[in-house]
Amino acid sequence: MNSQTHIPDDPPVAAIESGGPPTSPGLLERPHKYAYEAVQGFFVQTGPQPKHSDFEALLDRSFGLLDTSPERWHNLRRRVAELRADAPAGVQYKVCFFGRHGQGWHNLAANQYGPEAWESHWTYLYGDGTLTWGPDPELTPLGRAQAAAVHAAWAREAPAGAPVAADDMAWFVSPLLRTAETMLGSWGELLAGTPEVWEDWREIYGSHTCDQRSTRSTIAARFPAFRIEPGFAEADELWKPDEREADAHMQMRMRRAMDRVFDTVDKTYVSVTGHSAIFRNLLAVLGHQPYPLATGEMIPIVVKATRVA
């Protein structure tokens, strides 16, 4: 594959362990069914301060809850229930937990070679003879440890009232192996429902070999507890070696996915395990401040959806 025909991502985000710079692509896709707003006053990540805390510190702070009292999760539940009860017609609220996958072999390789060399050459290959990062790389040992750290935090918070029960939470996951492994590692025995695999949650696709997904049969065999959405193609029909998805198209996918969540999911709390570039565009759709997610990090957001069509 001739990498000279490719244009590097600007800025590099997808394979970068830090999640890239704290910038936004801007709002590039108009609302479809709902206009979205990130509601402040619940989690430190929503602002008004930009990202300033290590994720390890946020894990020890109930994922970033501003309320640090023993009743913190019960207070969150009460306040969100009040928002929902008082909402006018056409307005909904959900609390979403968006988690980036742990370190994959492509992240390790990108860190080894550096962003410039990675984006100009290595990302278009499947490996270097020592490391293999495409297609569809799995987690490294560090990536599994990052997922385990999130699991430990959920296990600590559950007795305090964190919404981990099947009656509270709905789970969604990108179809790539690294996200599926991260979801299972992050939730473990706390996973009380059936995660749904949606194509729209996958990473930016095209040209970079790490973003080429496995077949439907492979996903179903590796993760039999997952429910794969109807119409999911056997082979990856979206990834093309000579095309790279644009930010505007990722925002279209995120609007479509979020509209589907608010139209079809009756749970108040939603967990999505995905990727850095797609979540960067999701935050733009939600009107959230830029917040790059490093590998293994998760961001909770109270989302207001107002019906516009």
Protein backbone atom coordinates (compact mmCIF):
# COMPACT_ATOMS: atom_id res chain seq x y z
CA MET A 1 0.00 0.00 0.00
CA ASN A 2 1.46 3.35 -1.03
CA SER A 3 1.18 5.67 1.95
CA GLN A 4 2.30 8.62 -0.21
CA THR A 5 -1.23 8.83 -1.63
CA HIS A 6 -2.73 9.45 1.81
CA ILE A 7 -3.31 12.68 3.71
CA PRO A 8 -2.47 12.42 7.43
CA ASP A 9 -5.23 13.12 9.95
CA ASP A 10 -5.24 16.75 11.08
CA PRO A 11 -4.91 16.72 14.00
CA PRO A 12 -3.77 13.15 14.69
CA VAL A 13 -6.24 11.72 17.20
CA ALA A 14 -7.36 8.17 16.50
CA ALA A 15 -4.20 6.22 17.39
CA ILE A 16 -2.67 8.80 19.73
CA GLU A 17 -2.58 7.56 23.32
CA SER A 18 -3.26 11.01 24.76
CA GLY A 19 -6.30 11.52 22.55
CA GLY A 20 -4.72 14.43 20.70
CA PRO A 21 -4.93 18.16 21.36
CA PRO A 22 -7.77 19.80 23.32
CA THR A 23 -9.42 21.19 20.21
CA SER A 24 -12.82 20.77 18.59
CA PRO A 25 -13.61 20.20 14.92
CA GLY A 26 -16.54 22.59 15.43
CA LEU A 27 -20.15 21.79 14.72
CA LEU A 28 -20.30 20.46 11.16
CA GLU A 29 -23.63 18.60 11.05
CA ARG A 30 -27.00 20.20 11.75
CA PRO A 31 -29.47 18.49 14.08
CA HIS A 32 -31.54 15.66 12.65
CA LYS A 33 -34.25 14.80 15.21
CA TYR A 34 -32.79 16.34 18.37
CA ALA A 35 -30.63 19.28 19.37
CA TYR A 36 -28.21 18.29 22.11
CA GLU A 37 -26.75 20.10 25.08
CA ALA A 38 -24.23 19.02 27.72
CA VAL A 39 -25.67 20.04 31.09
CA GLN A 40 -23.20 21.57 33.52
CA GLY A 41 -23.29 21.23 37.28
CA PHE A 42 -22.92 17.47 37.59
CA PHE A 43 -19.45 16.39 36.45
CA VAL A 44 -16.16 18.29 36.50
CA GLN A 45 -15.39 17.30 32.90
CA THR A 46 -18.31 19.34 31.53
CA GLY A 47 -16.65 22.60 32.53
CA PRO A 48 -16.39 25.49 32.71
CA GLN A 49 -12.73 24.62 33.35
CA PRO A 50 -10.95 22.75 30.54
CA LYS A 51 -9.51 19.31 31.15
CA HIS A 52 -7.19 19.60 34.13
CA SER A 53 -7.40 16.37 36.15
CA ASP A 54 -5.68 13.04 35.63
CA PHE A 55 -8.08 10.22 34.99
CA GLU A 56 -6.71 8.31 37.96
CA ALA A 57 -7.80 11.19 40.18
CA LEU A 58 -11.25 11.20 38.57
CA LEU A 59 -11.60 7.47 39.19
CA ASP A 60 -11.09 8.22 42.87
CA ARG A 61 -13.66 11.02 42.61
CA SER A 62 -16.61 8.96 41.40
CA PHE A 63 -15.68 9.51 37.74
CA GLY A 64 -15.73 13.28 38.23
CA LEU A 65 -18.92 13.91 40.18
CA LEU A 66 -18.92 17.41 41.63
CA ASP A 67 -20.90 16.10 44.59
CA THR A 68 -18.44 14.25 46.82
CA SER A 69 -20.87 13.49 49.64
CA PRO A 70 -21.77 9.93 50.69
CA GLU A 71 -25.16 10.51 48.99
CA ARG A 72 -23.54 11.62 45.72
CA TRP A 73 -25.08 8.99 43.43
CA HIS A 74 -28.48 9.19 45.10
CA ASN A 75 -28.35 12.96 44.68
CA LEU A 76 -27.48 12.54 41.00
CA ARG A 77 -30.39 10.17 40.53
CA ARG A 78 -32.76 12.55 42.29
CA ARG A 79 -31.64 15.61 40.36
CA VAL A 80 -31.80 13.86 37.00
CA ALA A 81 -35.23 12.43 37.86
CA GLU A 82 -36.38 15.96 38.65
CA LEU A 83 -35.05 17.24 35.32
CA ARG A 84 -36.92 14.49 33.52
CA ALA A 85 -40.14 15.04 35.47
CA ASP A 86 -40.09 18.80 34.92
CA ALA A 87 -39.07 18.64 31.25
CA PRO A 88 -41.53 20.12 28.76
CA ALA A 89 -42.85 18.07 25.88
CA GLY A 90 -40.11 17.12 23.45
CA VAL A 91 -37.25 17.37 25.98
CA GLN A 92 -35.41 14.38 27.44
CA TYR A 93 -32.39 13.85 29.69
CA LYS A 94 -29.96 10.95 29.92
CA VAL A 95 -26.67 10.40 31.71
CA CYS A 96 -24.11 8.96 29.32
CA PHE A 97 -20.75 7.37 30.13
CA PHE A 98 -18.51 7.46 27.07
CA GLY A 99 -15.41 5.31 27.50
CA ARG A 100 -12.46 5.10 25.14
CA HIS A 101 -10.90 1.67 24.73
CA GLY A 102 -7.70 0.80 26.55
CA GLN A 103 -4.33 0.81 24.85
CA GLY A 104 -4.31 -1.29 21.68
CA TRP A 105 -1.29 -2.49 19.76
CA HIS A 106 -1.74 0.35 17.26
CA ASN A 107 -1.56 2.88 20.11
CA LEU A 108 1.66 1.30 21.31
CA ALA A 109 3.11 1.43 17.79
CA ALA A 110 2.02 5.03 17.22
CA ASN A 111 3.68 5.99 20.49
CA GLN A 112 6.84 4.13 19.47
CA TYR A 113 7.13 5.79 16.04
CA GLY A 114 5.69 9.21 16.91
CA PRO A 115 2.70 10.95 15.31
CA GLU A 116 4.48 12.24 12.19
CA ALA A 117 6.00 8.92 11.14
CA TRP A 118 2.85 7.05 12.15
CA GLU A 119 0.53 9.28 10.14
CA SER A 120 2.76 9.45 7.08
CA HIS A 121 3.74 5.79 6.82
CA TRP A 122 3.21 3.16 9.49
CA THR A 123 -0.54 3.50 10.00
CA TYR A 124 -1.16 2.30 6.43
CA LEU A 125 0.69 -0.96 7.07
CA TYR A 126 -0.43 -3.95 9.11
CA GLY A 127 2.71 -4.21 11.20
CA ASP A 128 6.46 -3.77 11.27
CA GLY A 129 7.62 -7.37 11.61
CA THR A 130 7.57 -7.18 15.39
CA LEU A 131 4.24 -5.58 16.24
CA THR A 132 0.98 -6.28 14.41
CA TRP A 133 -1.67 -3.54 14.63
CA GLY A 134 -4.03 -4.26 11.78
CA PRO A 135 -6.61 -5.18 11.02
CA ASP A 136 -8.64 -4.69 14.21
CA PRO A 137 -5.96 -4.91 16.91
CA GLU A 138 -6.70 -6.16 20.40
CA LEU A 139 -5.68 -4.69 23.75
CA THR A 140 -2.14 -4.74 25.07
CA PRO A 141 -1.52 -5.82 28.67
CA LEU A 142 -1.59 -2.12 29.60
CA GLY A 143 -4.93 -1.76 27.84
CA ARG A 144 -6.39 -4.61 29.86
CA ALA A 145 -5.04 -3.00 33.05
CA GLN A 146 -6.67 0.29 32.11
CA ALA A 147 -10.02 -1.44 31.70
CA ALA A 148 -9.53 -3.21 35.03
CA ALA A 149 -8.97 0.17 36.72
CA VAL A 150 -12.36 1.36 35.45
CA HIS A 151 -13.94 -1.86 36.67
CA ALA A 152 -12.45 -1.37 40.12
CA ALA A 153 -13.91 2.14 40.23
CA TRP A 154 -17.39 0.93 39.28
CA ALA A 155 -17.14 -1.79 41.92
CA ARG A 156 -16.25 0.84 44.55
CA GLU A 157 -19.08 3.14 43.48
CA ALA A 158 -21.83 0.54 43.14
CA PRO A 159 -22.49 0.25 46.90
CA ALA A 160 -22.85 4.05 47.01
CA GLY A 161 -25.67 3.93 44.48
CA ALA A 162 -23.94 4.15 41.11
CA PRO A 163 -26.39 3.16 38.34
CA VAL A 164 -25.01 -0.26 37.43
CA ALA A 165 -28.21 -2.36 37.58
CA ALA A 166 -29.95 -3.62 34.46
CA ASP A 167 -32.96 -1.47 35.34
CA ASP A 168 -30.73 1.62 35.25
CA MET A 169 -28.19 1.20 32.49
CA ALA A 170 -28.09 0.33 28.79
CA TRP A 171 -24.76 -0.74 27.29
CA PHE A 172 -23.46 -0.11 23.77
CA VAL A 173 -20.14 -0.88 22.14
CA SER A 174 -18.25 -0.31 18.92
CA PRO A 175 -17.75 -3.46 16.81
CA LEU A 176 -13.95 -3.31 17.01
CA LEU A 177 -12.21 -5.92 19.15
CA ARG A 178 -10.40 -3.42 21.37
CA THR A 179 -13.67 -1.81 22.43
CA ALA A 180 -15.38 -5.13 23.05
CA GLU A 181 -12.48 -6.26 25.23
CA THR A 182 -12.51 -2.93 27.05
CA MET A 183 -16.23 -3.13 27.77
CA LEU A 184 -15.93 -6.59 29.25
CA GLY A 185 -12.86 -5.61 31.26
CA SER A 186 -14.46 -2.39 32.50
CA TRP A 187 -17.66 -4.03 33.70
CA GLY A 188 -16.86 -7.68 34.41
CA GLU A 189 -19.41 -9.26 36.75
CA LEU A 190 -21.17 -5.87 37.05
CA LEU A 191 -22.39 -6.13 33.47
CA ALA A 192 -26.05 -6.77 34.18
CA GLY A 193 -27.49 -6.31 30.70
CA THR A 194 -26.78 -7.26 27.11
CA PRO A 195 -24.39 -4.91 25.30
CA GLU A 196 -25.50 -3.92 21.82
CA VAL A 197 -23.00 -3.61 18.98
CA TRP A 198 -23.75 -0.67 16.68
CA GLU A 199 -21.67 0.11 13.60
CA ASP A 200 -22.12 3.83 14.20
CA TRP A 201 -20.02 3.72 17.39
CA ARG A 202 -16.91 2.56 15.53
CA GLU A 203 -13.81 4.68 15.04
CA ILE A 204 -13.11 6.92 12.05
CA TYR A 205 -12.70 4.49 9.19
CA GLY A 206 -10.65 4.12 6.04
CA SER A 207 -6.95 3.86 5.10
CA HIS A 208 -5.60 3.25 8.63
CA THR A 209 -5.44 -0.52 9.01
CA CYS A 210 -6.19 -0.47 12.75
CA ASP A 211 -9.70 0.81 11.98
CA GLN A 212 -10.65 -2.09 9.70
CA ARG A 213 -13.06 -4.26 11.66
CA SER A 214 -13.36 -8.03 11.93
CA THR A 215 -16.16 -9.99 10.31
CA ARG A 216 -19.55 -10.29 11.95
CA SER A 217 -18.91 -14.01 12.46
CA THR A 218 -15.68 -13.30 14.34
CA ILE A 219 -17.36 -10.74 16.61
CA ALA A 220 -20.27 -13.09 17.32
CA ALA A 221 -17.95 -15.99 18.12
CA ARG A 222 -15.62 -13.94 20.33
CA PHE A 223 -18.40 -12.12 22.20
CA PRO A 224 -21.48 -14.36 22.27
CA ALA A 225 -23.11 -12.31 25.05
CA PHE A 226 -23.33 -9.26 22.78
CA ARG A 227 -26.34 -8.43 20.63
CA ILE A 228 -25.29 -7.32 17.15
CA GLU A 229 -27.66 -4.85 15.54
CA PRO A 230 -29.84 -5.98 12.60
CA GLY A 231 -28.38 -5.35 9.17
CA PHE A 232 -24.77 -5.61 10.36
CA ALA A 233 -22.73 -6.74 7.35
CA GLU A 234 -20.55 -9.84 7.51
CA ALA A 235 -17.51 -8.11 5.99
CA ASP A 236 -16.41 -4.55 6.66
CA GLU A 237 -18.02 -2.65 3.79
CA LEU A 238 -17.17 0.80 5.15
CA TRP A 239 -13.38 0.64 5.38
CA LYS A 240 -11.61 1.55 2.12
CA PRO A 241 -7.81 1.55 1.75
CA ASP A 242 -7.77 4.84 -0.18
CA GLU A 243 -10.51 6.83 1.61
CA ARG A 244 -10.55 8.45 5.06
CA GLU A 245 -13.77 9.46 6.79
CA ALA A 246 -14.24 13.19 7.37
CA ASP A 247 -15.24 14.91 10.63
CA ALA A 248 -18.58 15.98 9.12
CA HIS A 249 -19.46 12.37 8.34
CA MET A 250 -18.48 11.25 11.85
CA GLN A 251 -20.79 13.91 13.24
CA MET A 252 -23.57 12.61 11.01
CA ARG A 253 -23.01 9.15 12.49
CA MET A 254 -23.01 10.51 16.03
CA ARG A 255 -26.25 12.41 15.48
CA ARG A 256 -27.79 9.27 14.02
CA ALA A 257 -26.61 7.15 16.96
CA MET A 258 -27.69 9.62 19.63
CA ASP A 259 -31.08 10.15 17.97
CA ARG A 260 -31.51 6.39 17.99
CA VAL A 261 -30.59 6.21 21.68
CA PHE A 262 -33.10 8.89 22.63
CA ASP A 263 -35.79 7.38 20.39
CA THR A 264 -35.44 3.74 21.42
CA VAL A 265 -33.67 3.40 24.80
CA ASP A 266 -35.91 3.68 27.86
CA LYS A 267 -33.04 3.64 30.39
CA THR A 268 -31.84 6.89 31.95
CA TYR A 269 -28.19 5.83 32.04
CA VAL A 270 -26.20 4.79 28.97
CA SER A 271 -22.70 3.33 28.68
CA VAL A 272 -20.91 3.50 25.33
CA THR A 273 -17.43 2.06 24.74
CA GLY A 274 -15.84 3.63 21.69
CA HIS A 275 -12.92 5.63 20.34
CA SER A 276 -11.13 8.96 20.49
CA ALA A 277 -11.81 10.48 17.06
CA ILE A 278 -15.48 9.53 16.99
CA PHE A 279 -15.96 10.80 20.55
CA ARG A 280 -14.17 14.05 19.64
CA ASN A 281 -16.92 14.63 17.09
CA LEU A 282 -19.60 13.40 19.46
CA LEU A 283 -18.59 16.08 21.98
CA ALA A 284 -18.98 18.71 19.24
CA VAL A 285 -22.47 17.39 18.50
CA LEU A 286 -23.35 17.54 22.21
CA GLY A 287 -22.03 21.09 22.61
CA HIS A 288 -19.49 19.83 25.13
CA GLN A 289 -16.13 21.51 25.57
CA PRO A 290 -13.15 19.78 23.91
CA TYR A 291 -12.01 16.92 26.11
CA PRO A 292 -9.48 14.53 24.54
CA LEU A 293 -9.75 11.04 25.97
CA ALA A 294 -6.54 9.12 26.52
CA THR A 295 -6.64 5.35 26.18
CA GLY A 296 -8.79 3.81 28.91
CA GLU A 297 -10.43 7.10 29.92
CA MET A 298 -14.15 7.69 30.30
CA ILE A 299 -16.22 10.88 30.35
CA PRO A 300 -19.68 11.11 31.95
CA ILE A 301 -22.12 13.69 30.56
CA VAL A 302 -25.67 14.66 31.46
CA VAL A 303 -27.23 15.14 28.01
CA LYS A 304 -30.32 17.22 27.26
CA ALA A 305 -32.10 16.37 24.00
CA THR A 306 -34.71 18.71 22.54
CA ARG A 307 -36.86 17.42 19.71
CA VAL A 308 -36.56 19.60 16.60
CA ALA A 309 -38.05 17.36 13.90
